[in-house]
Amino acid sequence: MLILSRKINEKIMIGDEISVSIIEIRGDQVRLGVEAPKAVKVFRREVFDAIKAENKAAAESKPVFPEFDFGARGKTF
């Protein structure tokens, strides 16, 4: 893990297209601004973990298919 010190309005660059700015420091909270291309998804960690858990649960669940009635029940051909 890289640990950096920054002051308000200073930035950290991640690659060429992602920047993280220190917007505000208030007590033990830091407000960050993230600038990234639209194709890059940016989430808080707790939201990211919830999305992963939901995706895993969906992948493990059995699909539910409705009964299809093509009009052939009880009929002989």
Protein backbone atom coordinates (compact mmCIF):
# COMPACT_ATOMS: atom_id res chain seq x y z
CA MET A 1 0.00 0.00 0.00
CA LEU A 2 1.27 3.41 -0.94
CA ILE A 3 0.68 6.04 1.76
CA LEU A 4 0.76 9.70 0.75
CA SER A 5 0.22 12.97 2.57
CA ARG A 6 -1.86 15.62 0.82
CA LYS A 7 -3.37 18.97 1.73
CA ILE A 8 -6.68 20.49 0.66
CA ASN A 9 -6.87 21.04 -3.11
CA GLU A 10 -3.90 18.76 -3.79
CA LYS A 11 -4.36 15.75 -6.07
CA ILE A 12 -3.17 12.21 -6.48
CA MET A 13 -3.00 10.77 -10.00
CA ILE A 14 -3.78 7.14 -10.79
CA GLY A 15 -2.51 6.45 -14.27
CA ASP A 16 -3.12 9.19 -16.83
CA GLU A 17 -6.89 9.56 -16.48
CA ILE A 18 -7.87 9.25 -12.81
CA SER A 19 -7.28 11.95 -10.23
CA VAL A 20 -8.25 12.03 -6.57
CA SER A 21 -8.52 15.48 -4.98
CA ILE A 22 -8.64 16.37 -1.30
CA ILE A 23 -11.74 18.57 -1.08
CA GLU A 24 -12.15 19.05 2.67
CA ILE A 25 -10.70 17.85 5.96
CA ARG A 26 -13.01 18.13 8.95
CA GLY A 27 -12.01 16.35 12.15
CA ASP A 28 -11.51 12.68 11.33
CA GLN A 29 -13.29 12.90 7.96
CA VAL A 30 -11.77 13.62 4.59
CA ARG A 31 -13.88 14.51 1.55
CA LEU A 32 -12.41 13.30 -1.71
CA GLY A 33 -13.22 14.18 -5.30
CA VAL A 34 -12.60 11.55 -7.94
CA GLU A 35 -12.28 12.40 -11.63
CA ALA A 36 -12.32 9.36 -13.89
CA PRO A 37 -13.58 8.35 -17.33
CA LYS A 38 -17.24 7.28 -17.41
CA ALA A 39 -16.15 3.72 -18.20
CA VAL A 40 -14.40 3.51 -14.80
CA LYS A 41 -16.80 2.64 -11.99
CA VAL A 42 -16.03 4.31 -8.67
CA PHE A 43 -17.73 3.05 -5.49
CA ARG A 44 -17.30 3.40 -1.75
CA ARG A 45 -15.94 0.10 -0.41
CA GLU A 46 -19.13 -0.83 1.47
CA VAL A 47 -21.21 -0.29 -1.68
CA PHE A 48 -18.73 -2.29 -3.76
CA ASP A 49 -18.88 -5.19 -1.27
CA ALA A 50 -22.70 -5.12 -1.28
CA ILE A 51 -22.77 -5.22 -5.09
CA LYS A 52 -20.35 -8.16 -5.14
CA ALA A 53 -22.43 -10.06 -2.56
CA GLU A 54 -25.63 -9.41 -4.50
CA ASN A 55 -24.04 -10.55 -7.77
CA LYS A 56 -22.72 -13.71 -6.10
CA ALA A 57 -26.14 -14.50 -4.63
CA ALA A 58 -27.81 -13.96 -8.00
CA ALA A 59 -25.28 -16.22 -9.75
CA GLU A 60 -25.83 -18.99 -7.20
CA SER A 61 -29.63 -18.83 -7.26
CA LYS A 62 -31.68 -21.12 -9.44
CA PRO A 63 -33.55 -19.42 -12.26
CA VAL A 64 -37.32 -19.40 -11.99
CA PHE A 65 -39.16 -20.09 -15.21
CA PRO A 66 -42.92 -19.71 -15.44
CA GLU A 67 -44.96 -22.64 -16.68
CA PHE A 68 -45.53 -22.27 -20.37
CA ASP A 69 -48.97 -23.16 -21.72
CA PHE A 70 -49.00 -23.51 -25.47
CA GLY A 71 -52.64 -24.61 -25.50
CA ALA A 72 -51.77 -28.32 -25.78
CA ARG A 73 -52.68 -29.44 -22.27
CA GLY A 74 -55.27 -32.17 -22.23
CA LYS A 75 -55.44 -32.28 -26.00
CA THR A 76 -54.35 -35.20 -28.10
CA PHE A 77 -53.06 -34.76 -31.57
